[in-house]
PDB file of N, CA and C in Angstrom:
ATOM      1  N   MET A   1      37.101  12.452  12.956  1.00  0.00           N
ATOM      2  CA  MET A   1      35.684  12.341  12.398  1.00  0.00           C
ATOM      3  C   MET A   1      34.482  12.675  13.441  1.00  0.00           C
ATOM      4  N   SER A   2      34.366  13.931  12.645  1.00  0.00           N
ATOM      5  CA  SER A   2      32.892  14.272  13.309  1.00  0.00           C
ATOM      6  C   SER A   2      31.439  13.312  12.797  1.00  0.00           C
ATOM      7  N   ALA A   3      30.843  13.176  13.286  1.00  0.00           N
ATOM      8  CA  ALA A   3      29.444  12.689  13.128  1.00  0.00           C
ATOM      9  C   ALA A   3      28.847  13.465  11.849  1.00  0.00           C
ATOM     10  N   ILE A   4      29.097  14.247  11.490  1.00  0.00           N
ATOM     11  CA  ILE A   4      28.181  15.226   9.952  1.00  0.00           C
ATOM     12  C   ILE A   4      29.427  14.715   8.933  1.00  0.00           C
ATOM     13  N   CYS A   5      30.261  14.232   9.309  1.00  0.00           N
ATOM     14  CA  CYS A   5      31.116  14.075   8.260  1.00  0.00           C
ATOM     15  C   CYS A   5      30.865  12.372   7.693  1.00  0.00           C
ATOM     16  N   ALA A   6      30.346  11.505   8.626  1.00  0.00           N
ATOM     17  CA  ALA A   6      30.183  10.435   8.486  1.00  0.00           C
ATOM     18  C   ALA A   6      29.358   9.837   7.104  1.00  0.00           C
ATOM     19  N   SER A   7      28.197  10.608   6.909  1.00  0.00           N
ATOM     20  CA  SER A   7      27.603  10.286   5.756  1.00  0.00           C
ATOM     21  C   SER A   7      28.044  11.026   4.523  1.00  0.00           C
ATOM     22  N   ALA A   8      28.758  10.462   3.844  1.00  0.00           N
ATOM     23  CA  ALA A   8      28.936  10.937   2.450  1.00  0.00           C
ATOM     24  C   ALA A   8      28.039  11.071   1.715  1.00  0.00           C
ATOM     25  N   ALA A   9      26.861  10.655   1.732  1.00  0.00           N
ATOM     26  CA  ALA A   9      25.710  10.362   0.325  1.00  0.00           C
ATOM     27  C   ALA A   9      24.827  11.158   0.497  1.00  0.00           C
ATOM     28  N   ALA A  10      24.374  11.439  -0.393  1.00  0.00           N
ATOM     29  CA  ALA A  10      23.111  12.873  -0.718  1.00  0.00           C
ATOM     30  C   ALA A  10      21.774  12.048  -0.471  1.00  0.00           C
ATOM     31  N   PRO A  11      20.852  12.369   0.394  1.00  0.00           N
ATOM     32  CA  PRO A  11      19.811  12.342   0.796  1.00  0.00           C
ATOM     33  C   PRO A  11      18.666  12.018  -1.017  1.00  0.00           C
ATOM     34  N   PRO A  12      18.320  10.931  -1.430  1.00  0.00           N
ATOM     35  CA  PRO A  12      17.620  10.630  -2.194  1.00  0.00           C
ATOM     36  C   PRO A  12      16.855  12.291  -2.780  1.00  0.00           C
ATOM     37  N   THR A  13      16.618  12.344  -4.071  1.00  0.00           N
ATOM     38  CA  THR A  13      15.398  13.691  -4.383  1.00  0.00           C
ATOM     39  C   THR A  13      14.068  12.767  -4.710  1.00  0.00           C
ATOM     40  N   ARG A  14      13.778  13.654  -4.799  1.00  0.00           N
ATOM     41  CA  ARG A  14      11.753  12.966  -4.722  1.00  0.00           C
ATOM     42  C   ARG A  14      11.592  12.737  -6.021  1.00  0.00           C
ATOM     43  N   TYR A  15      12.301  12.466  -6.624  1.00  0.00           N
ATOM     44  CA  TYR A  15      12.560  11.788  -8.489  1.00  0.00           C
ATOM     45  C   TYR A  15      12.857  10.668  -8.120  1.00  0.00           C
ATOM     46  N   GLU A  16      13.994  10.414  -7.151  1.00  0.00           N
ATOM     47  CA  GLU A  16      14.615   9.421  -7.119  1.00  0.00           C
ATOM     48  C   GLU A  16      13.791   8.269  -5.759  1.00  0.00           C
ATOM     49  N   ARG A  17      13.328   8.806  -4.892  1.00  0.00           N
ATOM     50  CA  ARG A  17      12.346   8.163  -3.815  1.00  0.00           C
ATOM     51  C   ARG A  17      11.105   7.622  -4.498  1.00  0.00           C
ATOM     52  N   TYR A  18      10.842   8.062  -6.181  1.00  0.00           N
ATOM     53  CA  TYR A  18       9.264   8.065  -6.255  1.00  0.00           C
ATOM     54  C   TYR A  18       9.819   6.736  -7.356  1.00  0.00           C
ATOM     55  N   HIS A  19      11.384   7.060  -7.906  1.00  0.00           N
ATOM     56  CA  HIS A  19      11.350   5.799  -8.588  1.00  0.00           C
ATOM     57  C   HIS A  19      11.670   4.063  -7.915  1.00  0.00           C
ATOM     58  N   ILE A  20      12.009   4.345  -6.614  1.00  0.00           N
ATOM     59  CA  ILE A  20      12.476   3.878  -5.774  1.00  0.00           C
ATOM     60  C   ILE A  20      11.091   2.500  -5.130  1.00  0.00           C
ATOM     61  N   VAL A  21      10.569   3.851  -4.682  1.00  0.00           N
ATOM     62  CA  VAL A  21       8.692   3.333  -4.202  1.00  0.00           C
ATOM     63  C   VAL A  21       8.072   2.409  -5.384  1.00  0.00           C
ATOM     64  N   LYS A  22       8.106   3.127  -6.830  1.00  0.00           N
ATOM     65  CA  LYS A  22       7.190   2.798  -7.612  1.00  0.00           C
ATOM     66  C   LYS A  22       8.177   1.322  -8.181  1.00  0.00           C
ATOM     67  N   ASP A  23       9.459   0.882  -8.016  1.00  0.00           N
ATOM     68  CA  ASP A  23      10.296  -0.006  -8.236  1.00  0.00           C
ATOM     69  C   ASP A  23       9.745  -1.128  -7.690  1.00  0.00           C
ATOM     70  N   MET A  24       9.887  -1.121  -5.951  1.00  0.00           N
ATOM     71  CA  MET A  24       9.266  -1.805  -5.099  1.00  0.00           C
ATOM     72  C   MET A  24       7.946  -2.233  -4.748  1.00  0.00           C
ATOM     73  N   HIS A  25       7.039  -1.068  -5.224  1.00  0.00           N
ATOM     74  CA  HIS A  25       5.893  -1.786  -5.437  1.00  0.00           C
ATOM     75  C   HIS A  25       5.587  -2.458  -6.997  1.00  0.00           C
ATOM     76  N   ILE A  26       5.886  -2.759  -7.387  1.00  0.00           N
ATOM     77  CA  ILE A  26       6.092  -3.597  -9.061  1.00  0.00           C
ATOM     78  C   ILE A  26       6.614  -5.004  -8.495  1.00  0.00           C
ATOM     79  N   GLN A  27       7.787  -4.984  -7.586  1.00  0.00           N
ATOM     80  CA  GLN A  27       8.673  -5.969  -7.906  1.00  0.00           C
ATOM     81  C   GLN A  27       7.647  -6.459  -6.114  1.00  0.00           C
ATOM     82  N   PHE A  28       7.343  -6.078  -4.984  1.00  0.00           N
ATOM     83  CA  PHE A  28       5.957  -7.372  -4.213  1.00  0.00           C
ATOM     84  C   PHE A  28       4.833  -6.648  -3.724  1.00  0.00           C
ATOM     85  N   ILE A  29       3.953  -5.823  -4.356  1.00  0.00           N
ATOM     86  CA  ILE A  29       3.024  -5.475  -4.029  1.00  0.00           C
ATOM     87  C   ILE A  29       2.136  -6.124  -5.771  1.00  0.00           C
ATOM     88  N   GLU A  30       2.070  -5.706  -7.142  1.00  0.00           N
ATOM     89  CA  GLU A  30       1.950  -6.489  -7.832  1.00  0.00           C
ATOM     90  C   GLU A  30       1.683  -7.780  -7.977  1.00  0.00           C
ATOM     91  N   PRO A  31       2.842  -8.083  -7.974  1.00  0.00           N
ATOM     92  CA  PRO A  31       2.483  -9.766  -8.102  1.00  0.00           C
ATOM     93  C   PRO A  31       2.003 -10.607  -6.928  1.00  0.00           C
ATOM     94  N   THR A  32       1.428  -9.953  -5.818  1.00  0.00           N
ATOM     95  CA  THR A  32       0.522 -10.765  -4.612  1.00  0.00           C
ATOM     96  C   THR A  32      -0.710 -10.103  -5.048  1.00  0.00           C
ATOM     97  N   LYS A  33      -1.032  -9.479  -6.033  1.00  0.00           N
ATOM     98  CA  LYS A  33      -2.549  -8.728  -6.394  1.00  0.00           C
ATOM     99  C   LYS A  33      -3.328 -10.522  -6.853  1.00  0.00           C
ATOM    100  N   ARG A  34      -2.583 -11.022  -7.304  1.00  0.00           N
ATOM    101  CA  ARG A  34      -3.310 -12.286  -8.172  1.00  0.00           C
ATOM    102  C   ARG A  34      -4.240 -13.241  -6.920  1.00  0.00           C
ATOM    103  N   TYR A  35      -3.211 -13.181  -5.437  1.00  0.00           N
ATOM    104  CA  TYR A  35      -3.758 -13.950  -4.714  1.00  0.00           C
ATOM    105  C   TYR A  35      -5.295 -13.192  -3.696  1.00  0.00           C
ATOM    106  N   ALA A  36      -5.202 -12.009  -4.057  1.00  0.00           N
ATOM    107  CA  ALA A  36      -6.529 -11.537  -3.355  1.00  0.00           C
ATOM    108  C   ALA A  36      -7.775 -11.832  -3.711  1.00  0.00           C
ATOM    109  N   ASP A  37      -8.597 -11.496  -2.311  1.00  0.00           N
ATOM    110  CA  ASP A  37     -10.013 -11.798  -2.585  1.00  0.00           C
ATOM    111  C   ASP A  37     -10.635 -10.715  -3.516  1.00  0.00           C
ATOM    112  N   ILE A  38     -10.306  -9.235  -2.583  1.00  0.00           N
ATOM    113  CA  ILE A  38     -10.782  -8.324  -3.373  1.00  0.00           C
ATOM    114  C   ILE A  38      -9.403  -7.256  -2.891  1.00  0.00           C
ATOM    115  N   ILE A  39      -9.861  -6.865  -4.240  1.00  0.00           N
ATOM    116  CA  ILE A  39      -9.050  -5.004  -4.114  1.00  0.00           C
ATOM    117  C   ILE A  39      -9.517  -3.685  -4.191  1.00  0.00           C
ATOM    118  N   ILE A  40      -9.372  -2.907  -3.457  1.00  0.00           N
ATOM    119  CA  ILE A  40      -9.936  -1.755  -3.110  1.00  0.00           C
ATOM    120  C   ILE A  40      -9.360  -0.653  -3.857  1.00  0.00           C
ATOM    121  N   PRO A  41      -9.719  -0.107  -4.709  1.00  0.00           N
ATOM    122  CA  PRO A  41      -8.539   0.925  -5.729  1.00  0.00           C
ATOM    123  C   PRO A  41      -8.850   2.320  -4.518  1.00  0.00           C
ATOM    124  N   GLN A  42      -7.388   2.864  -4.043  1.00  0.00           N
ATOM    125  CA  GLN A  42      -6.949   3.811  -3.233  1.00  0.00           C
ATOM    126  C   GLN A  42      -7.533   3.500  -1.731  1.00  0.00           C
ATOM    127  N   GLY A  43      -7.428   1.837  -2.054  1.00  0.00           N
ATOM    128  CA  GLY A  43      -7.273   1.717  -0.431  1.00  0.00           C
ATOM    129  C   GLY A  43      -8.517   2.661   0.482  1.00  0.00           C
ATOM    130  N   GLY A  44      -7.918   2.986   1.801  1.00  0.00           N
ATOM    131  CA  GLY A  44      -9.156   3.210   3.116  1.00  0.00           C
ATOM    132  C   GLY A  44      -9.433   4.743   2.230  1.00  0.00           C
ATOM    133  N   GLU A  45      -8.960   5.445   1.554  1.00  0.00           N
ATOM    134  CA  GLU A  45      -9.331   6.657   0.974  1.00  0.00           C
ATOM    135  C   GLU A  45     -10.588   6.579   0.283  1.00  0.00           C
ATOM    136  N   ASN A  46     -10.917   5.248  -0.559  1.00  0.00           N
ATOM    137  CA  ASN A  46     -12.342   4.939  -1.169  1.00  0.00           C
ATOM    138  C   ASN A  46     -13.642   4.369  -0.244  1.00  0.00           C
ATOM    139  N   THR A  47     -14.285   5.592   0.306  1.00  0.00           N
ATOM    140  CA  THR A  47     -15.253   5.365   1.387  1.00  0.00           C
ATOM    141  C   THR A  47     -16.335   4.332   1.049  1.00  0.00           C
ATOM    142  N   VAL A  48     -16.762   5.005  -0.627  1.00  0.00           N
ATOM    143  CA  VAL A  48     -17.844   3.984  -1.301  1.00  0.00           C
ATOM    144  C   VAL A  48     -17.657   2.126  -0.852  1.00  0.00           C
ATOM    145  N   ALA A  49     -16.327   2.107  -1.214  1.00  0.00           N
ATOM    146  CA  ALA A  49     -16.127   0.556  -1.554  1.00  0.00           C
ATOM    147  C   ALA A  49     -15.772   0.106  -0.250  1.00  0.00           C
ATOM    148  N   VAL A  50     -14.977   0.720   0.676  1.00  0.00           N
ATOM    149  CA  VAL A  50     -14.783   0.564   2.298  1.00  0.00           C
ATOM    150  C   VAL A  50     -16.784   0.009   2.886  1.00  0.00           C
ATOM    151  N   ASP A  51     -17.497   1.176   2.919  1.00  0.00           N
ATOM    152  CA  ASP A  51     -18.550   0.821   3.366  1.00  0.00           C
ATOM    153  C   ASP A  51     -19.336  -0.424   2.992  1.00  0.00           C
ATOM    154  N   MET A  52     -19.238  -0.596   1.534  1.00  0.00           N
ATOM    155  CA  MET A  52     -19.870  -1.655   0.673  1.00  0.00           C
ATOM    156  C   MET A  52     -19.335  -3.204   1.623  1.00  0.00           C
ATOM    157  N   LEU A  53     -17.907  -3.180   1.569  1.00  0.00           N
ATOM    158  CA  LEU A  53     -17.672  -4.220   2.257  1.00  0.00           C
ATOM    159  C   LEU A  53     -18.206  -4.277   3.624  1.00  0.00           C
ATOM    160  N   VAL A  54     -17.718  -3.461   4.477  1.00  0.00           N
ATOM    161  CA  VAL A  54     -18.498  -3.505   5.552  1.00  0.00           C
ATOM    162  C   VAL A  54     -19.576  -4.061   6.040  1.00  0.00           C
ATOM    163  N   ALA A  55     -20.610  -3.514   5.131  1.00  0.00           N
ATOM    164  CA  ALA A  55     -22.110  -4.172   5.216  1.00  0.00           C
ATOM    165  C   ALA A  55     -22.252  -5.105   4.729  1.00  0.00           C
ATOM    166  N   THR A  56     -21.318  -6.183   3.581  1.00  0.00           N
ATOM    167  CA  THR A  56     -21.462  -7.030   3.436  1.00  0.00           C
ATOM    168  C   THR A  56     -21.047  -8.235   4.349  1.00  0.00           C
ATOM    169  N   ILE A  57     -20.091  -7.620   5.040  1.00  0.00           N
ATOM    170  CA  ILE A  57     -19.123  -8.288   6.282  1.00  0.00           C
ATOM    171  C   ILE A  57     -20.324  -8.468   7.382  1.00  0.00           C
ATOM    172  N   LYS A  58     -21.346  -7.521   7.553  1.00  0.00           N
ATOM    173  CA  LYS A  58     -22.221  -7.349   8.555  1.00  0.00           C
ATOM    174  C   LYS A  58     -23.296  -8.904   8.376  1.00  0.00           C
ATOM    175  N   LEU A  59     -23.537  -8.615   6.864  1.00  0.00           N
ATOM    176  CA  LEU A  59     -24.487  -9.550   6.309  1.00  0.00           C
ATOM    177  C   LEU A  59     -24.313 -10.569   7.049  1.00  0.00           C
ATOM    178  N   LYS A  60     -23.051 -11.095   6.339  1.00  0.00           N
ATOM    179  CA  LYS A  60     -22.228 -12.449   6.464  1.00  0.00           C
ATOM    180  C   LYS A  60     -22.393 -12.914   7.805  1.00  0.00           C
ATOM    181  N   LEU A  61     -21.889 -12.153   8.875  1.00  0.00           N
ATOM    182  CA  LEU A  61     -21.889 -12.235  10.202  1.00  0.00           C
ATOM    183  C   LEU A  61     -23.671 -12.578  10.547  1.00  0.00           C
ATOM    184  N   LEU A  62     -24.697 -11.602  10.305  1.00  0.00           N
ATOM    185  CA  LEU A  62     -26.006 -11.795  10.616  1.00  0.00           C
ATOM    186  C   LEU A  62     -26.327 -13.028  10.896  1.00  0.00           C
ATOM    187  N   GLN A  63     -25.915 -13.696   9.278  1.00  0.00           N
ATOM    188  CA  GLN A  63     -26.574 -15.155   8.336  1.00  0.00           C
ATOM    189  C   GLN A  63     -26.075 -15.990   9.258  1.00  0.00           C
ATOM    190  N   GLY A  64     -24.859 -15.889   9.636  1.00  0.00           N
ATOM    191  CA  GLY A  64     -24.011 -17.132  10.390  1.00  0.00           C
ATOM    192  C   GLY A  64     -22.842 -17.711   9.410  1.00  0.00           C
ATOM    193  N   GLU A  65     -22.807 -16.970   8.490  1.00  0.00           N
ATOM    194  CA  GLU A  65     -21.866 -17.967   7.343  1.00  0.00           C
ATOM    195  C   GLU A  65     -19.781 -17.563   7.585  1.00  0.00           C
TER     196      GLU A  65
END
């Protein structure tokens, strides 16, 4: 048997991958949000929120908190 024939399953389609990722997000990420101190929408792409967070951290460090 050759290596090409070893895998009979077709790779998931984009639609299937979307639902796999969405299901995993709902199962593992969403429940942990309740324990977060801060959530930045769009993550690192949200430069306004990231800049505000960095400024707050710098201020706290300068104040010695």
